[in-house]
N, C-alpha and C. Protein backbone atom coordinates (compact mmCIF):
# COMPACT_ATOMS: atom_id res chain seq x y z
N UNK A 1 113.60 106.84 120.94
CA UNK A 1 113.74 105.80 119.93
C UNK A 1 112.44 105.02 119.77
N UNK A 2 111.79 104.70 120.87
CA UNK A 2 110.55 103.91 120.80
C UNK A 2 109.35 104.83 120.87
N UNK A 3 108.99 105.39 119.73
CA UNK A 3 107.80 106.23 119.62
C UNK A 3 106.88 105.63 118.57
N UNK A 4 105.59 105.87 118.72
CA UNK A 4 104.61 105.30 117.79
C UNK A 4 104.94 105.70 116.36
N UNK A 5 104.94 104.73 115.47
CA UNK A 5 105.23 104.96 114.07
C UNK A 5 106.68 104.76 113.68
N UNK A 6 107.55 104.59 114.66
CA UNK A 6 108.98 104.43 114.38
C UNK A 6 109.26 103.04 113.82
N UNK A 7 109.98 102.99 112.71
CA UNK A 7 110.39 101.74 112.09
C UNK A 7 111.88 101.56 112.34
N UNK A 8 112.23 100.43 112.96
CA UNK A 8 113.62 100.14 113.32
C UNK A 8 114.06 98.86 112.61
N UNK A 9 115.38 98.67 112.54
CA UNK A 9 115.95 97.44 111.99
C UNK A 9 116.98 96.92 112.98
N UNK A 10 116.79 95.68 113.42
CA UNK A 10 117.70 95.05 114.37
C UNK A 10 118.50 93.95 113.67
N UNK A 11 119.80 93.91 113.93
CA UNK A 11 120.65 92.88 113.33
C UNK A 11 121.63 92.35 114.38
N UNK A 12 121.20 91.30 115.10
CA UNK A 12 119.94 90.56 114.98
C UNK A 12 118.90 91.04 116.01
N UNK A 13 117.66 90.59 115.81
CA UNK A 13 116.60 90.77 116.80
C UNK A 13 116.51 89.47 117.59
N UNK A 14 116.44 89.60 118.92
CA UNK A 14 116.35 88.42 119.78
C UNK A 14 114.90 88.20 120.18
N UNK A 15 114.33 87.10 119.72
CA UNK A 15 112.94 86.77 120.01
C UNK A 15 112.79 86.31 121.45
N UNK A 16 111.56 86.37 121.93
CA UNK A 16 111.28 85.95 123.31
C UNK A 16 111.58 84.47 123.53
N UNK A 17 111.52 83.67 122.45
CA UNK A 17 111.81 82.23 122.58
C UNK A 17 113.30 81.91 122.50
N UNK A 18 114.14 82.94 122.37
CA UNK A 18 115.58 82.74 122.34
C UNK A 18 116.18 82.76 120.95
N UNK A 19 115.37 82.61 119.92
CA UNK A 19 115.88 82.66 118.55
C UNK A 19 116.27 84.07 118.16
N UNK A 20 116.98 84.18 117.05
CA UNK A 20 117.37 85.51 116.58
C UNK A 20 117.49 85.52 115.06
N UNK A 21 117.25 86.69 114.48
CA UNK A 21 117.47 86.93 113.06
C UNK A 21 117.34 88.42 112.79
N UNK A 22 117.79 88.84 111.63
CA UNK A 22 117.63 90.24 111.23
C UNK A 22 116.14 90.53 111.11
N UNK A 23 115.71 91.65 111.66
CA UNK A 23 114.28 91.91 111.69
C UNK A 23 113.96 93.39 111.74
N UNK A 24 112.94 93.78 110.98
CA UNK A 24 112.36 95.11 111.13
C UNK A 24 111.41 95.08 112.31
N UNK A 25 111.12 96.25 112.87
CA UNK A 25 110.34 96.36 114.11
C UNK A 25 109.57 97.66 114.02
N UNK A 26 108.24 97.58 114.02
CA UNK A 26 107.41 98.77 113.92
C UNK A 26 106.71 99.02 115.25
N UNK A 27 106.97 100.17 115.85
CA UNK A 27 106.31 100.55 117.10
C UNK A 27 104.92 101.08 116.76
N UNK A 28 103.90 100.46 117.36
CA UNK A 28 102.53 100.88 117.10
C UNK A 28 101.97 101.78 118.19
N UNK A 29 102.35 101.53 119.43
CA UNK A 29 101.74 102.27 120.54
C UNK A 29 102.65 102.23 121.76
N UNK A 30 102.67 103.32 122.50
CA UNK A 30 103.37 103.37 123.78
C UNK A 30 102.36 102.92 124.85
N UNK A 31 102.78 102.00 125.72
CA UNK A 31 101.91 101.49 126.78
C UNK A 31 102.49 101.94 128.11
N UNK A 32 101.87 102.90 128.76
CA UNK A 32 102.37 103.37 130.05
C UNK A 32 103.76 103.97 129.92
N UNK A 33 104.57 103.79 130.97
CA UNK A 33 105.90 104.38 130.99
C UNK A 33 107.00 103.46 130.48
N UNK A 34 106.73 102.15 130.40
CA UNK A 34 107.85 101.25 130.15
C UNK A 34 107.54 100.11 129.19
N UNK A 35 106.55 100.26 128.35
CA UNK A 35 106.25 99.18 127.41
C UNK A 35 105.76 99.76 126.09
N UNK A 36 105.89 98.95 125.05
CA UNK A 36 105.39 99.34 123.73
C UNK A 36 104.67 98.17 123.10
N UNK A 37 103.74 98.48 122.22
CA UNK A 37 103.07 97.49 121.39
C UNK A 37 103.72 97.60 120.02
N UNK A 38 104.19 96.48 119.48
CA UNK A 38 104.91 96.53 118.22
C UNK A 38 104.59 95.31 117.36
N UNK A 39 104.99 95.39 116.11
CA UNK A 39 104.82 94.29 115.17
C UNK A 39 106.13 94.09 114.43
N UNK A 40 106.44 92.85 114.13
CA UNK A 40 107.65 92.51 113.39
C UNK A 40 107.25 92.17 111.95
N UNK A 41 107.48 93.09 111.01
CA UNK A 41 107.12 92.83 109.62
C UNK A 41 107.85 91.62 109.06
N UNK A 42 107.24 90.99 108.06
CA UNK A 42 107.84 89.81 107.43
C UNK A 42 107.70 89.89 105.92
N UNK A 43 108.74 89.45 105.22
CA UNK A 43 108.65 89.35 103.76
C UNK A 43 108.17 87.96 103.35
N UNK A 44 107.93 87.10 104.34
CA UNK A 44 107.37 85.77 104.08
C UNK A 44 105.86 85.91 103.96
N UNK A 45 105.32 85.54 102.82
CA UNK A 45 103.89 85.69 102.58
C UNK A 45 103.16 84.44 103.04
N UNK A 46 102.41 84.55 104.12
CA UNK A 46 101.62 83.44 104.65
C UNK A 46 100.16 83.68 104.26
N UNK A 47 99.92 83.70 102.95
CA UNK A 47 98.61 84.00 102.39
C UNK A 47 98.21 82.91 101.42
N UNK A 48 96.91 82.79 101.12
CA UNK A 48 96.50 81.81 100.11
C UNK A 48 97.24 82.07 98.79
N UNK A 49 97.54 81.01 98.08
CA UNK A 49 98.34 81.09 96.85
C UNK A 49 97.74 82.05 95.82
N UNK A 50 96.43 82.05 95.68
CA UNK A 50 95.79 82.88 94.65
C UNK A 50 95.46 84.29 95.14
N UNK A 51 95.92 84.65 96.34
CA UNK A 51 95.59 85.96 96.90
C UNK A 51 96.38 87.07 96.21
N UNK A 52 95.68 88.06 95.69
CA UNK A 52 96.33 89.22 95.09
C UNK A 52 96.99 90.04 96.20
N UNK A 53 98.20 90.48 95.96
CA UNK A 53 98.95 91.27 96.94
C UNK A 53 98.77 92.74 96.60
N UNK A 54 97.96 93.43 97.41
CA UNK A 54 97.66 94.84 97.20
C UNK A 54 98.06 95.61 98.45
N UNK A 55 98.66 96.77 98.27
CA UNK A 55 99.08 97.59 99.41
C UNK A 55 97.86 97.95 100.27
N UNK A 56 97.99 97.70 101.58
CA UNK A 56 96.91 98.07 102.49
C UNK A 56 96.42 96.91 103.33
N UNK A 57 95.25 97.11 103.90
CA UNK A 57 94.67 96.15 104.84
C UNK A 57 94.07 94.94 104.11
N UNK A 58 94.29 93.77 104.67
CA UNK A 58 93.71 92.54 104.12
C UNK A 58 93.18 91.69 105.26
N UNK A 59 91.92 91.33 105.17
CA UNK A 59 91.28 90.47 106.17
C UNK A 59 90.64 89.31 105.41
N UNK A 60 91.09 88.09 105.71
CA UNK A 60 90.51 86.89 105.12
C UNK A 60 89.96 86.07 106.29
N UNK A 61 88.69 86.27 106.58
CA UNK A 61 88.06 85.67 107.76
C UNK A 61 88.15 84.15 107.73
N UNK A 62 87.86 83.54 106.58
CA UNK A 62 87.87 82.07 106.47
C UNK A 62 89.24 81.47 106.76
N UNK A 63 90.29 82.22 106.50
CA UNK A 63 91.65 81.73 106.72
C UNK A 63 92.27 82.26 108.01
N UNK A 64 91.49 83.00 108.78
CA UNK A 64 91.99 83.61 110.03
C UNK A 64 93.23 84.47 109.78
N UNK A 65 93.16 85.28 108.73
CA UNK A 65 94.27 86.16 108.39
C UNK A 65 93.79 87.61 108.48
N UNK A 66 94.53 88.40 109.22
CA UNK A 66 94.33 89.84 109.27
C UNK A 66 95.70 90.47 109.19
N UNK A 67 95.95 91.25 108.16
CA UNK A 67 97.29 91.78 107.99
C UNK A 67 97.26 93.12 107.26
N UNK A 68 98.40 93.76 107.26
CA UNK A 68 98.58 95.00 106.51
C UNK A 68 99.78 94.78 105.60
N UNK A 69 99.59 95.04 104.32
CA UNK A 69 100.62 94.77 103.31
C UNK A 69 101.30 96.07 102.88
N UNK A 70 102.63 96.06 102.91
CA UNK A 70 103.43 97.12 102.33
C UNK A 70 103.98 96.57 101.01
N UNK A 71 103.52 97.10 99.90
CA UNK A 71 104.06 96.67 98.61
C UNK A 71 105.48 97.20 98.44
N UNK A 72 106.31 96.40 97.79
CA UNK A 72 107.68 96.80 97.51
C UNK A 72 107.70 98.11 96.73
N UNK A 73 108.67 98.95 97.04
CA UNK A 73 108.95 100.19 96.33
C UNK A 73 107.89 101.28 96.52
N UNK A 74 106.90 101.07 97.38
CA UNK A 74 105.93 102.12 97.70
C UNK A 74 106.40 102.82 98.98
N UNK A 75 106.69 104.12 98.90
CA UNK A 75 107.18 104.84 100.08
C UNK A 75 106.18 104.77 101.24
N UNK A 76 106.71 104.46 102.44
CA UNK A 76 105.84 104.34 103.61
C UNK A 76 106.26 105.26 104.76
N UNK A 77 107.47 105.80 104.71
CA UNK A 77 107.92 106.68 105.79
C UNK A 77 107.83 108.14 105.35
N UNK A 78 107.93 109.02 106.32
CA UNK A 78 107.89 110.46 106.03
C UNK A 78 109.03 110.89 105.13
N UNK A 79 110.14 110.15 105.16
CA UNK A 79 111.30 110.46 104.32
C UNK A 79 111.27 109.73 102.98
N UNK A 80 110.23 108.93 102.73
CA UNK A 80 110.09 108.26 101.45
C UNK A 80 110.73 106.89 101.35
N UNK A 81 111.13 106.30 102.47
CA UNK A 81 111.73 104.96 102.47
C UNK A 81 110.68 103.91 102.14
N UNK A 82 111.10 102.84 101.45
CA UNK A 82 110.19 101.74 101.11
C UNK A 82 110.90 100.40 101.29
N UNK A 83 110.11 99.36 101.49
CA UNK A 83 110.67 98.01 101.56
C UNK A 83 111.09 97.56 100.17
N UNK A 84 112.12 96.74 100.12
CA UNK A 84 112.61 96.19 98.85
C UNK A 84 111.70 95.07 98.34
N UNK A 85 111.07 94.36 99.27
CA UNK A 85 110.17 93.25 98.92
C UNK A 85 108.80 93.53 99.52
N UNK A 86 107.76 92.88 98.95
CA UNK A 86 106.45 92.95 99.59
C UNK A 86 106.61 92.48 101.03
N UNK A 87 106.07 93.25 101.96
CA UNK A 87 106.27 92.98 103.38
C UNK A 87 104.94 93.09 104.10
N UNK A 88 104.73 92.19 105.06
CA UNK A 88 103.42 92.11 105.72
C UNK A 88 103.55 92.25 107.23
N UNK A 89 102.61 93.00 107.80
CA UNK A 89 102.42 93.06 109.25
C UNK A 89 101.23 92.14 109.54
N UNK A 90 101.46 91.06 110.24
CA UNK A 90 100.38 90.14 110.59
C UNK A 90 99.79 90.54 111.93
N UNK A 91 98.47 90.70 111.97
CA UNK A 91 97.80 91.11 113.19
C UNK A 91 98.00 90.14 114.34
N UNK A 92 98.13 88.88 114.02
CA UNK A 92 98.32 87.87 115.07
C UNK A 92 99.74 87.91 115.65
N UNK A 93 100.63 88.66 115.03
CA UNK A 93 102.01 88.75 115.51
C UNK A 93 102.27 89.98 116.37
N UNK A 94 101.24 90.80 116.63
CA UNK A 94 101.44 91.94 117.52
C UNK A 94 101.87 91.44 118.88
N UNK A 95 102.75 92.19 119.52
CA UNK A 95 103.22 91.77 120.84
C UNK A 95 103.64 93.01 121.62
N UNK A 96 103.71 92.85 122.94
CA UNK A 96 104.17 93.94 123.78
C UNK A 96 105.60 93.65 124.22
N UNK A 97 106.37 94.72 124.37
CA UNK A 97 107.78 94.61 124.70
C UNK A 97 108.13 95.59 125.81
N UNK A 98 109.00 95.17 126.70
CA UNK A 98 109.48 96.00 127.80
C UNK A 98 110.62 96.89 127.28
N UNK A 99 110.47 98.19 127.44
CA UNK A 99 111.46 99.13 126.91
C UNK A 99 112.82 98.97 127.58
N UNK A 100 112.86 98.74 128.89
CA UNK A 100 114.15 98.56 129.58
C UNK A 100 114.90 97.36 129.01
N UNK A 101 114.19 96.26 128.76
CA UNK A 101 114.83 95.07 128.19
C UNK A 101 115.34 95.36 126.78
N UNK A 102 114.56 96.08 125.98
CA UNK A 102 115.01 96.43 124.63
C UNK A 102 116.26 97.31 124.70
N UNK A 103 116.25 98.30 125.58
CA UNK A 103 117.41 99.20 125.71
C UNK A 103 118.65 98.45 126.18
N UNK A 104 118.46 97.43 126.99
CA UNK A 104 119.58 96.63 127.48
C UNK A 104 120.21 95.81 126.34
N UNK A 105 119.36 95.23 125.49
CA UNK A 105 119.85 94.40 124.38
C UNK A 105 120.38 95.22 123.22
N UNK A 106 119.76 96.36 122.98
CA UNK A 106 120.08 97.17 121.80
C UNK A 106 120.42 98.59 122.25
N UNK A 107 121.64 98.79 122.65
CA UNK A 107 122.00 100.09 123.23
C UNK A 107 122.74 101.02 122.28
N UNK A 108 123.31 100.49 121.19
CA UNK A 108 124.15 101.32 120.33
C UNK A 108 123.52 101.46 118.94
N UNK A 109 123.08 102.70 118.65
CA UNK A 109 122.48 102.97 117.34
C UNK A 109 123.52 102.76 116.24
N UNK A 110 123.08 102.24 115.12
CA UNK A 110 123.90 101.92 113.94
C UNK A 110 124.87 100.76 114.18
N UNK A 111 124.78 100.12 115.35
CA UNK A 111 125.51 98.89 115.62
C UNK A 111 124.50 97.80 115.96
N UNK A 112 123.73 98.01 117.03
CA UNK A 112 122.71 97.05 117.45
C UNK A 112 121.40 97.23 116.69
N UNK A 113 121.14 98.44 116.26
CA UNK A 113 119.90 98.74 115.56
C UNK A 113 120.10 99.96 114.68
N UNK A 114 119.18 100.12 113.74
CA UNK A 114 119.18 101.27 112.85
C UNK A 114 117.77 101.85 112.85
N UNK A 115 117.67 103.16 112.94
CA UNK A 115 116.36 103.80 112.82
C UNK A 115 116.11 104.05 111.34
N UNK A 116 115.11 103.36 110.80
CA UNK A 116 114.77 103.49 109.38
C UNK A 116 114.01 104.78 109.14
N UNK A 117 113.08 105.08 110.01
CA UNK A 117 112.29 106.30 109.86
C UNK A 117 110.97 106.18 110.59
N UNK A 118 110.09 107.12 110.28
CA UNK A 118 108.77 107.14 110.90
C UNK A 118 107.72 106.98 109.81
N UNK A 119 106.78 106.08 110.04
CA UNK A 119 105.71 105.88 109.07
C UNK A 119 105.00 107.21 108.80
N UNK A 120 104.58 107.40 107.56
CA UNK A 120 103.80 108.59 107.24
C UNK A 120 102.52 108.57 108.07
N UNK A 121 101.95 109.73 108.33
CA UNK A 121 100.74 109.81 109.14
C UNK A 121 99.62 108.96 108.54
N UNK A 122 99.46 109.03 107.24
CA UNK A 122 98.39 108.27 106.55
C UNK A 122 98.62 106.77 106.68
N UNK A 123 99.85 106.35 106.48
CA UNK A 123 100.18 104.92 106.57
C UNK A 123 99.95 104.41 107.99
N UNK A 124 100.37 105.18 108.99
CA UNK A 124 100.19 104.79 110.39
C UNK A 124 98.71 104.69 110.73
N UNK A 125 97.93 105.66 110.30
CA UNK A 125 96.48 105.66 110.54
C UNK A 125 95.86 104.41 109.93
N UNK A 126 96.26 104.07 108.72
CA UNK A 126 95.71 102.90 108.04
C UNK A 126 96.08 101.59 108.74
N UNK A 127 97.31 101.49 109.22
CA UNK A 127 97.75 100.28 109.93
C UNK A 127 96.94 100.11 111.21
N UNK A 128 96.80 101.19 111.98
CA UNK A 128 96.06 101.13 113.25
C UNK A 128 94.60 100.76 112.99
N UNK A 129 93.97 101.40 112.02
CA UNK A 129 92.57 101.09 111.69
C UNK A 129 92.41 99.64 111.26
N UNK A 130 93.35 99.16 110.48
CA UNK A 130 93.32 97.77 110.00
C UNK A 130 93.32 96.81 111.18
N UNK A 131 94.24 97.02 112.11
CA UNK A 131 94.35 96.10 113.25
C UNK A 131 93.20 96.25 114.23
N UNK A 132 92.64 97.45 114.35
CA UNK A 132 91.50 97.64 115.25
C UNK A 132 90.26 96.90 114.75
N UNK A 133 90.16 96.73 113.44
CA UNK A 133 88.99 96.06 112.85
C UNK A 133 89.22 94.56 112.62
N UNK A 134 90.45 94.10 112.80
CA UNK A 134 90.80 92.72 112.47
C UNK A 134 90.25 91.72 113.48
N UNK A 135 89.82 90.58 112.98
CA UNK A 135 89.33 89.50 113.83
C UNK A 135 90.46 88.72 114.50
N UNK A 136 91.69 88.85 114.02
CA UNK A 136 92.79 88.05 114.57
C UNK A 136 93.61 88.78 115.64
N UNK A 137 93.42 90.08 115.76
CA UNK A 137 94.16 90.85 116.78
C UNK A 137 93.50 90.65 118.13
N UNK A 138 94.31 90.38 119.14
CA UNK A 138 93.80 90.17 120.50
C UNK A 138 93.05 91.42 120.98
N UNK A 139 91.97 91.18 121.74
CA UNK A 139 91.15 92.29 122.24
C UNK A 139 91.96 93.28 123.08
N UNK A 140 92.89 92.77 123.88
CA UNK A 140 93.68 93.68 124.73
C UNK A 140 94.50 94.64 123.87
N UNK A 141 94.97 94.17 122.71
CA UNK A 141 95.74 95.04 121.83
C UNK A 141 94.82 96.02 121.09
N UNK A 142 93.63 95.58 120.72
CA UNK A 142 92.67 96.49 120.09
C UNK A 142 92.32 97.64 121.04
N UNK A 143 92.13 97.31 122.32
CA UNK A 143 91.83 98.36 123.31
C UNK A 143 92.98 99.36 123.41
N UNK A 144 94.20 98.86 123.40
CA UNK A 144 95.37 99.75 123.46
C UNK A 144 95.45 100.65 122.22
N UNK A 145 95.19 100.08 121.07
CA UNK A 145 95.24 100.85 119.83
C UNK A 145 94.16 101.92 119.77
N UNK A 146 93.03 101.66 120.42
CA UNK A 146 91.90 102.60 120.40
C UNK A 146 92.14 103.82 121.28
N UNK A 147 93.09 103.74 122.21
CA UNK A 147 93.34 104.87 123.14
C UNK A 147 94.09 105.99 122.46
């Protein structure tokens, strides 16, 4: 279930701070035997008001923004699935997760979580390259992505 490029949907997702909400979850990298690097996409646009929303990598150094944008209705998975709304992966939101803890919280497919699909090879390559070049992604995560 937790393989690089896998897009999941949790209803709800339990955040590390105790909060919860429905959330997509993109696995970016497997870390060792029991952890993953992932990003939680958001349809909330935390960008300058006049910023054009274009599919792909966006780096705004002056605003400390590094993100990857999925435009609505543009297929991103190998099966052709797309987000209904413009959706953003923020580089500053990358985090590592313990697989055992995830399996404990989300054990039943189609009840606790849904597998949406796997990002297309091109889309996955672009996301990784975007975050590796971003000024807002932590160095430890850039090193993991480079492996």
